[in-house]
C-alpha cells in the first residue's frame, strides 16, 4: 500500500469525541457530538488507550523518557473511570 492510499483510508471522525472524553466531558454529552453507536465510541477510546500503551512501551525500550511520560499521561486521561 502506498502512503497516499494509507492516508486516504484514515478516518478522523471520532477524534473530537475521544478528545472530549480525555478532557473529562460526561459520556452523555459526548454521545450528543456524534451519531455513532455508543459501543463504537467506547471501542474507539479503548483502541486509543491500547495504542498509547504500545507507544509508551516502545518509548521505554528506546529510552525516550519524554515520549514515555506523554503516553503515560494520555493513557491516564483516557482511563478516567
PDB file of N, CA and C in Angstrom:
ATOM      1  N   UNK A   1       0.858  -1.181   0.000  1.00  0.00           N
ATOM      2  CA  UNK A   1       0.000   0.000   0.000  1.00  0.00           C
ATOM      3  C   UNK A   1       0.904   1.243   0.000  1.00  0.00           C
ATOM      4  N   UNK A   2       0.530   2.196  -0.779  1.00  0.00           N
ATOM      5  CA  UNK A   2       1.314   3.433  -0.850  1.00  0.00           C
ATOM      6  C   UNK A   2       0.905   4.373   0.283  1.00  0.00           C
ATOM      7  N   UNK A   3       1.775   5.318   0.629  1.00  0.00           N
ATOM      8  CA  UNK A   3       1.407   6.282   1.673  1.00  0.00           C
ATOM      9  C   UNK A   3       0.127   7.049   1.346  1.00  0.00           C
ATOM     10  N   UNK A   4      -0.090   7.374   0.097  1.00  0.00           N
ATOM     11  CA  UNK A   4      -1.300   8.101  -0.292  1.00  0.00           C
ATOM     12  C   UNK A   4      -2.540   7.245  -0.073  1.00  0.00           C
ATOM     13  N   UNK A   5      -2.465   5.969  -0.428  1.00  0.00           N
ATOM     14  CA  UNK A   5      -3.604   5.068  -0.219  1.00  0.00           C
ATOM     15  C   UNK A   5      -3.888   4.905   1.275  1.00  0.00           C
ATOM     16  N   UNK A   6      -2.818   4.787   2.060  1.00  0.00           N
ATOM     17  CA  UNK A   6      -2.983   4.650   3.511  1.00  0.00           C
ATOM     18  C   UNK A   6      -3.639   5.897   4.098  1.00  0.00           C
ATOM     19  N   UNK A   7      -3.160   7.063   3.682  1.00  0.00           N
ATOM     20  CA  UNK A   7      -3.714   8.316   4.176  1.00  0.00           C
ATOM     21  C   UNK A   7      -5.195   8.434   3.835  1.00  0.00           C
ATOM     22  N   UNK A   8      -5.583   7.986   2.665  1.00  0.00           N
ATOM     23  CA  UNK A   8      -6.977   8.078   2.247  1.00  0.00           C
ATOM     24  C   UNK A   8      -7.884   7.136   3.036  1.00  0.00           C
ATOM     25  N   UNK A   9      -7.310   6.118   3.661  1.00  0.00           N
ATOM     26  CA  UNK A   9      -8.097   5.173   4.448  1.00  0.00           C
ATOM     27  C   UNK A   9      -8.306   5.637   5.886  1.00  0.00           C
ATOM     28  N   UNK A  10      -7.543   6.623   6.344  1.00  0.00           N
ATOM     29  CA  UNK A  10      -7.683   7.096   7.716  1.00  0.00           C
ATOM     30  C   UNK A  10      -9.002   7.821   7.913  1.00  0.00           C
ATOM     31  N   UNK A  11      -9.584   7.625   9.084  1.00  0.00           N
ATOM     32  CA  UNK A  11     -10.858   8.245   9.401  1.00  0.00           C
ATOM     33  C   UNK A  11     -10.712   8.949  10.756  1.00  0.00           C
ATOM     34  N   UNK A  12     -10.843  10.251  10.756  1.00  0.00           N
ATOM     35  CA  UNK A  12     -10.683  11.028  11.980  1.00  0.00           C
ATOM     36  C   UNK A  12     -12.027  11.477  12.546  1.00  0.00           C
ATOM     37  N   UNK A  13     -13.093  10.777  12.198  1.00  0.00           N
ATOM     38  CA  UNK A  13     -14.433  11.152  12.600  1.00  0.00           C
ATOM     39  C   UNK A  13     -14.674  11.154  14.099  1.00  0.00           C
ATOM     40  N   UNK A  14     -13.967  10.332  14.836  1.00  0.00           N
ATOM     41  CA  UNK A  14     -14.179  10.255  16.281  1.00  0.00           C
ATOM     42  C   UNK A  14     -13.090  10.967  17.076  1.00  0.00           C
ATOM     43  N   UNK A  15     -12.280  11.755  16.406  1.00  0.00           N
ATOM     44  CA  UNK A  15     -11.195  12.442  17.103  1.00  0.00           C
ATOM     45  C   UNK A  15     -11.734  13.413  18.148  1.00  0.00           C
ATOM     46  N   UNK A  16     -12.699  14.232  17.794  1.00  0.00           N
ATOM     47  CA  UNK A  16     -13.265  15.202  18.733  1.00  0.00           C
ATOM     48  C   UNK A  16     -13.940  14.492  19.903  1.00  0.00           C
ATOM     49  N   UNK A  17     -14.623  13.400  19.610  1.00  0.00           N
ATOM     50  CA  UNK A  17     -15.290  12.623  20.655  1.00  0.00           C
ATOM     51  C   UNK A  17     -14.264  12.089  21.648  1.00  0.00           C
ATOM     52  N   UNK A  18     -13.188  11.528  21.144  1.00  0.00           N
ATOM     53  CA  UNK A  18     -12.143  10.977  22.006  1.00  0.00           C
ATOM     54  C   UNK A  18     -11.454  12.072  22.806  1.00  0.00           C
ATOM     55  N   UNK A  19     -11.226  13.192  22.182  1.00  0.00           N
ATOM     56  CA  UNK A  19     -10.596  14.325  22.859  1.00  0.00           C
ATOM     57  C   UNK A  19     -11.473  14.830  24.001  1.00  0.00           C
ATOM     58  N   UNK A  20     -12.758  14.937  23.737  1.00  0.00           N
ATOM     59  CA  UNK A  20     -13.679  15.385  24.785  1.00  0.00           C
ATOM     60  C   UNK A  20     -13.711  14.400  25.951  1.00  0.00           C
ATOM     61  N   UNK A  21     -13.630  13.105  25.655  1.00  0.00           N
ATOM     62  CA  UNK A  21     -13.578  12.099  26.712  1.00  0.00           C
ATOM     63  C   UNK A  21     -12.343  12.327  27.583  1.00  0.00           C
ATOM     64  N   UNK A  22     -11.187  12.536  26.950  1.00  0.00           N
ATOM     65  CA  UNK A  22      -9.946  12.744  27.697  1.00  0.00           C
ATOM     66  C   UNK A  22      -9.996  14.027  28.526  1.00  0.00           C
ATOM     67  N   UNK A  23     -10.790  15.006  28.085  1.00  0.00           N
ATOM     68  CA  UNK A  23     -10.930  16.249  28.843  1.00  0.00           C
ATOM     69  C   UNK A  23     -11.851  16.096  30.048  1.00  0.00           C
ATOM     70  N   UNK A  24     -12.600  14.990  30.095  1.00  0.00           N
ATOM     71  CA  UNK A  24     -13.475  14.751  31.235  1.00  0.00           C
ATOM     72  C   UNK A  24     -14.942  15.047  30.971  1.00  0.00           C
ATOM     73  N   UNK A  25     -15.298  15.261  29.735  1.00  0.00           N
ATOM     74  CA  UNK A  25     -16.695  15.520  29.374  1.00  0.00           C
ATOM     75  C   UNK A  25     -17.547  14.288  29.694  1.00  0.00           C
ATOM     76  N   UNK A  26     -18.716  14.469  30.301  1.00  0.00           N
ATOM     77  CA  UNK A  26     -19.586  13.320  30.594  1.00  0.00           C
ATOM     78  C   UNK A  26     -19.966  12.566  29.310  1.00  0.00           C
ATOM     79  N   UNK A  27     -20.098  11.252  29.458  1.00  0.00           N
ATOM     80  CA  UNK A  27     -20.398  10.410  28.298  1.00  0.00           C
ATOM     81  C   UNK A  27     -21.712  10.808  27.646  1.00  0.00           C
ATOM     82  N   UNK A  28     -22.684  11.231  28.428  1.00  0.00           N
ATOM     83  CA  UNK A  28     -23.970  11.643  27.852  1.00  0.00           C
ATOM     84  C   UNK A  28     -23.798  12.834  26.911  1.00  0.00           C
ATOM     85  N   UNK A  29     -22.895  13.748  27.256  1.00  0.00           N
ATOM     86  CA  UNK A  29     -22.619  14.894  26.382  1.00  0.00           C
ATOM     87  C   UNK A  29     -21.835  14.464  25.144  1.00  0.00           C
ATOM     88  N   UNK A  30     -20.936  13.521  25.317  1.00  0.00           N
ATOM     89  CA  UNK A  30     -20.143  13.020  24.193  1.00  0.00           C
ATOM     90  C   UNK A  30     -21.038  12.362  23.157  1.00  0.00           C
ATOM     91  N   UNK A  31     -22.041  11.633  23.618  1.00  0.00           N
ATOM     92  CA  UNK A  31     -22.945  10.953  22.692  1.00  0.00           C
ATOM     93  C   UNK A  31     -23.719  11.947  21.823  1.00  0.00           C
ATOM     94  N   UNK A  32     -23.881  13.173  22.292  1.00  0.00           N
ATOM     95  CA  UNK A  32     -24.579  14.196  21.517  1.00  0.00           C
ATOM     96  C   UNK A  32     -23.705  14.754  20.391  1.00  0.00           C
ATOM     97  N   UNK A  33     -22.395  14.501  20.456  1.00  0.00           N
ATOM     98  CA  UNK A  33     -21.478  15.017  19.448  1.00  0.00           C
ATOM     99  C   UNK A  33     -21.452  14.191  18.174  1.00  0.00           C
ATOM    100  N   UNK A  34     -21.973  12.955  18.246  1.00  0.00           N
ATOM    101  CA  UNK A  34     -21.880  12.056  17.102  1.00  0.00           C
ATOM    102  C   UNK A  34     -23.118  11.178  17.006  1.00  0.00           C
ATOM    103  N   UNK A  35     -23.332  10.641  15.828  1.00  0.00           N
ATOM    104  CA  UNK A  35     -24.437   9.698  15.638  1.00  0.00           C
ATOM    105  C   UNK A  35     -23.938   8.257  15.686  1.00  0.00           C
ATOM    106  N   UNK A  36     -22.660   8.082  15.965  1.00  0.00           N
ATOM    107  CA  UNK A  36     -22.059   6.751  16.076  1.00  0.00           C
ATOM    108  C   UNK A  36     -22.612   6.065  17.325  1.00  0.00           C
ATOM    109  N   UNK A  37     -22.825   4.753  17.242  1.00  0.00           N
ATOM    110  CA  UNK A  37     -23.327   3.986  18.382  1.00  0.00           C
ATOM    111  C   UNK A  37     -22.365   4.065  19.567  1.00  0.00           C
ATOM    112  N   UNK A  38     -22.908   4.044  20.767  1.00  0.00           N
ATOM    113  CA  UNK A  38     -22.116   4.179  21.986  1.00  0.00           C
ATOM    114  C   UNK A  38     -21.023   3.119  22.087  1.00  0.00           C
ATOM    115  N   UNK A  39     -21.345   1.899  21.682  1.00  0.00           N
ATOM    116  CA  UNK A  39     -20.364   0.813  21.725  1.00  0.00           C
ATOM    117  C   UNK A  39     -19.159   1.092  20.845  1.00  0.00           C
ATOM    118  N   UNK A  40     -19.393   1.703  19.699  1.00  0.00           N
ATOM    119  CA  UNK A  40     -18.287   2.044  18.801  1.00  0.00           C
ATOM    120  C   UNK A  40     -17.436   3.156  19.388  1.00  0.00           C
ATOM    121  N   UNK A  41     -18.054   4.082  20.095  1.00  0.00           N
ATOM    122  CA  UNK A  41     -17.302   5.150  20.754  1.00  0.00           C
ATOM    123  C   UNK A  41     -16.402   4.545  21.822  1.00  0.00           C
ATOM    124  N   UNK A  42     -16.944   3.652  22.631  1.00  0.00           N
ATOM    125  CA  UNK A  42     -16.169   3.003  23.688  1.00  0.00           C
ATOM    126  C   UNK A  42     -15.029   2.189  23.078  1.00  0.00           C
ATOM    127  N   UNK A  43     -15.311   1.450  22.010  1.00  0.00           N
ATOM    128  CA  UNK A  43     -14.280   0.649  21.346  1.00  0.00           C
ATOM    129  C   UNK A  43     -13.161   1.545  20.825  1.00  0.00           C
ATOM    130  N   UNK A  44     -13.523   2.692  20.244  1.00  0.00           N
ATOM    131  CA  UNK A  44     -12.529   3.633  19.727  1.00  0.00           C
ATOM    132  C   UNK A  44     -11.632   4.149  20.851  1.00  0.00           C
ATOM    133  N   UNK A  45     -12.224   4.524  21.954  1.00  0.00           N
ATOM    134  CA  UNK A  45     -11.449   5.036  23.085  1.00  0.00           C
ATOM    135  C   UNK A  45     -10.536   3.945  23.638  1.00  0.00           C
ATOM    136  N   UNK A  46     -11.020   2.722  23.697  1.00  0.00           N
ATOM    137  CA  UNK A  46     -10.202   1.598  24.156  1.00  0.00           C
ATOM    138  C   UNK A  46      -9.025   1.358  23.220  1.00  0.00           C
ATOM    139  N   UNK A  47      -9.253   1.463  21.934  1.00  0.00           N
ATOM    140  CA  UNK A  47      -8.171   1.268  20.963  1.00  0.00           C
ATOM    141  C   UNK A  47      -7.125   2.383  21.066  1.00  0.00           C
ATOM    142  N   UNK A  48      -7.559   3.593  21.325  1.00  0.00           N
ATOM    143  CA  UNK A  48      -6.611   4.691  21.514  1.00  0.00           C
ATOM    144  C   UNK A  48      -5.750   4.428  22.749  1.00  0.00           C
ATOM    145  N   UNK A  49      -6.367   3.951  23.822  1.00  0.00           N
ATOM    146  CA  UNK A  49      -5.605   3.634  25.027  1.00  0.00           C
ATOM    147  C   UNK A  49      -4.585   2.536  24.739  1.00  0.00           C
ATOM    148  N   UNK A  50      -4.973   1.529  23.997  1.00  0.00           N
ATOM    149  CA  UNK A  50      -4.049   0.450  23.641  1.00  0.00           C
ATOM    150  C   UNK A  50      -2.880   0.993  22.822  1.00  0.00           C
ATOM    151  N   UNK A  51      -3.150   1.876  21.877  1.00  0.00           N
ATOM    152  CA  UNK A  51      -2.080   2.479  21.077  1.00  0.00           C
ATOM    153  C   UNK A  51      -1.139   3.294  21.960  1.00  0.00           C
ATOM    154  N   UNK A  52      -1.691   4.026  22.913  1.00  0.00           N
ATOM    155  CA  UNK A  52      -0.854   4.804  23.848  1.00  0.00           C
ATOM    156  C   UNK A  52       0.050   3.888  24.652  1.00  0.00           C
ATOM    157  N   UNK A  53      -0.483   2.770  25.111  1.00  0.00           N
ATOM    158  CA  UNK A  53       0.327   1.833  25.882  1.00  0.00           C
ATOM    159  C   UNK A  53       1.441   1.225  25.037  1.00  0.00           C
ATOM    160  N   UNK A  54       1.145   0.918  23.780  1.00  0.00           N
ATOM    161  CA  UNK A  54       2.170   0.349  22.897  1.00  0.00           C
ATOM    162  C   UNK A  54       3.275   1.361  22.609  1.00  0.00           C
ATOM    163  N   UNK A  55       2.898   2.611  22.361  1.00  0.00           N
ATOM    164  CA  UNK A  55       3.901   3.654  22.131  1.00  0.00           C
ATOM    165  C   UNK A  55       4.702   3.887  23.407  1.00  0.00           C
ATOM    166  N   UNK A  56       4.020   3.881  24.549  1.00  0.00           N
ATOM    167  CA  UNK A  56       4.706   4.059  25.835  1.00  0.00           C
ATOM    168  C   UNK A  56       5.752   2.967  26.041  1.00  0.00           C
ATOM    169  N   UNK A  57       5.386   1.722  25.758  1.00  0.00           N
ATOM    170  CA  UNK A  57       6.327   0.618  25.922  1.00  0.00           C
ATOM    171  C   UNK A  57       7.489   0.733  24.943  1.00  0.00           C
ATOM    172  N   UNK A  58       7.211   1.147  23.732  1.00  0.00           N
ATOM    173  CA  UNK A  58       8.282   1.342  22.752  1.00  0.00           C
ATOM    174  C   UNK A  58       9.212   2.463  23.198  1.00  0.00           C
ATOM    175  N   UNK A  59       8.652   3.523  23.743  1.00  0.00           N
ATOM    176  CA  UNK A  59       9.466   4.639  24.227  1.00  0.00           C
ATOM    177  C   UNK A  59      10.373   4.193  25.368  1.00  0.00           C
ATOM    178  N   UNK A  60       9.868   3.316  26.223  1.00  0.00           N
ATOM    179  CA  UNK A  60      10.690   2.796  27.321  1.00  0.00           C
ATOM    180  C   UNK A  60      11.857   1.989  26.771  1.00  0.00           C
ATOM    181  N   UNK A  61      11.587   1.175  25.756  1.00  0.00           N
ATOM    182  CA  UNK A  61      12.627   0.327  25.173  1.00  0.00           C
ATOM    183  C   UNK A  61      13.722   1.163  24.511  1.00  0.00           C
ATOM    184  N   UNK A  62      13.326   2.218  23.805  1.00  0.00           N
ATOM    185  CA  UNK A  62      14.329   3.034  23.109  1.00  0.00           C
ATOM    186  C   UNK A  62      14.922   4.111  24.004  1.00  0.00           C
ATOM    187  N   UNK A  63      14.375   4.274  25.202  1.00  0.00           N
ATOM    188  CA  UNK A  63      14.932   5.222  26.154  1.00  0.00           C
ATOM    189  C   UNK A  63      14.463   6.658  25.994  1.00  0.00           C
ATOM    190  N   UNK A  64      13.303   6.856  25.394  1.00  0.00           N
ATOM    191  CA  UNK A  64      12.754   8.208  25.213  1.00  0.00           C
ATOM    192  C   UNK A  64      11.808   8.505  26.376  1.00  0.00           C
ATOM    193  N   UNK A  65      12.359   9.081  27.444  1.00  0.00           N
ATOM    194  CA  UNK A  65      11.561   9.293  28.643  1.00  0.00           C
ATOM    195  C   UNK A  65      10.472  10.350  28.451  1.00  0.00           C
ATOM    196  N   UNK A  66      10.718  11.350  27.598  1.00  0.00           N
ATOM    197  CA  UNK A  66       9.702  12.382  27.358  1.00  0.00           C
ATOM    198  C   UNK A  66       8.474  11.776  26.682  1.00  0.00           C
ATOM    199  N   UNK A  67       8.691  10.946  25.675  1.00  0.00           N
ATOM    200  CA  UNK A  67       7.577  10.290  24.988  1.00  0.00           C
ATOM    201  C   UNK A  67       6.867   9.322  25.931  1.00  0.00           C
ATOM    202  N   UNK A  68       7.633   8.621  26.740  1.00  0.00           N
ATOM    203  CA  UNK A  68       7.057   7.708  27.718  1.00  0.00           C
ATOM    204  C   UNK A  68       6.100   8.463  28.635  1.00  0.00           C
ATOM    205  N   UNK A  69       6.525   9.604  29.152  1.00  0.00           N
ATOM    206  CA  UNK A  69       5.695  10.406  30.058  1.00  0.00           C
ATOM    207  C   UNK A  69       4.438  10.900  29.355  1.00  0.00           C
ATOM    208  N   UNK A  70       4.564  11.371  28.121  1.00  0.00           N
ATOM    209  CA  UNK A  70       3.399  11.857  27.380  1.00  0.00           C
ATOM    210  C   UNK A  70       2.363  10.756  27.189  1.00  0.00           C
ATOM    211  N   UNK A  71       2.818   9.566  26.843  1.00  0.00           N
ATOM    212  CA  UNK A  71       1.891   8.456  26.630  1.00  0.00           C
ATOM    213  C   UNK A  71       1.290   7.974  27.936  1.00  0.00           C
ATOM    214  N   UNK A  72       2.049   8.066  29.003  1.00  0.00           N
ATOM    215  CA  UNK A  72       1.534   7.699  30.324  1.00  0.00           C
ATOM    216  C   UNK A  72       0.409   8.655  30.737  1.00  0.00           C
ATOM    217  N   UNK A  73       0.617   9.934  30.541  1.00  0.00           N
ATOM    218  CA  UNK A  73      -0.401  10.937  30.871  1.00  0.00           C
ATOM    219  C   UNK A  73      -1.636  10.753  29.992  1.00  0.00           C
ATOM    220  N   UNK A  74      -1.421  10.526  28.694  1.00  0.00           N
ATOM    221  CA  UNK A  74      -2.554  10.332  27.786  1.00  0.00           C
ATOM    222  C   UNK A  74      -3.368   9.110  28.197  1.00  0.00           C
ATOM    223  N   UNK A  75      -2.701   8.036  28.539  1.00  0.00           N
ATOM    224  CA  UNK A  75      -3.391   6.821  28.950  1.00  0.00           C
ATOM    225  C   UNK A  75      -4.183   7.045  30.242  1.00  0.00           C
ATOM    226  N   UNK A  76      -3.618   7.796  31.179  1.00  0.00           N
ATOM    227  CA  UNK A  76      -4.330   8.090  32.420  1.00  0.00           C
ATOM    228  C   UNK A  76      -5.576   8.927  32.174  1.00  0.00           C
ATOM    229  N   UNK A  77      -5.483   9.865  31.250  1.00  0.00           N
ATOM    230  CA  UNK A  77      -6.651  10.710  30.947  1.00  0.00           C
ATOM    231  C   UNK A  77      -7.743   9.915  30.261  1.00  0.00           C
ATOM    232  N   UNK A  78      -7.348   8.957  29.435  1.00  0.00           N
ATOM    233  CA  UNK A  78      -8.332   8.133  28.735  1.00  0.00           C
ATOM    234  C   UNK A  78      -8.998   7.162  29.709  1.00  0.00           C
ATOM    235  N   UNK A  79      -8.223   6.592  30.624  1.00  0.00           N
ATOM    236  CA  UNK A  79      -8.776   5.630  31.587  1.00  0.00           C
ATOM    237  C   UNK A  79      -9.222   6.353  32.843  1.00  0.00           C
ATOM    238  N   UNK A  80     -10.163   7.249  32.706  1.00  0.00           N
ATOM    239  CA  UNK A  80     -10.583   8.070  33.840  1.00  0.00           C
ATOM    240  C   UNK A  80     -11.612   7.381  34.716  1.00  0.00           C
ATOM    241  N   UNK A  81     -12.250   6.328  34.276  1.00  0.00           N
ATOM    242  CA  UNK A  81     -13.250   5.616  35.079  1.00  0.00           C
ATOM    243  C   UNK A  81     -12.727   4.268  35.520  1.00  0.00           C
TER     244      UNK A  81
END
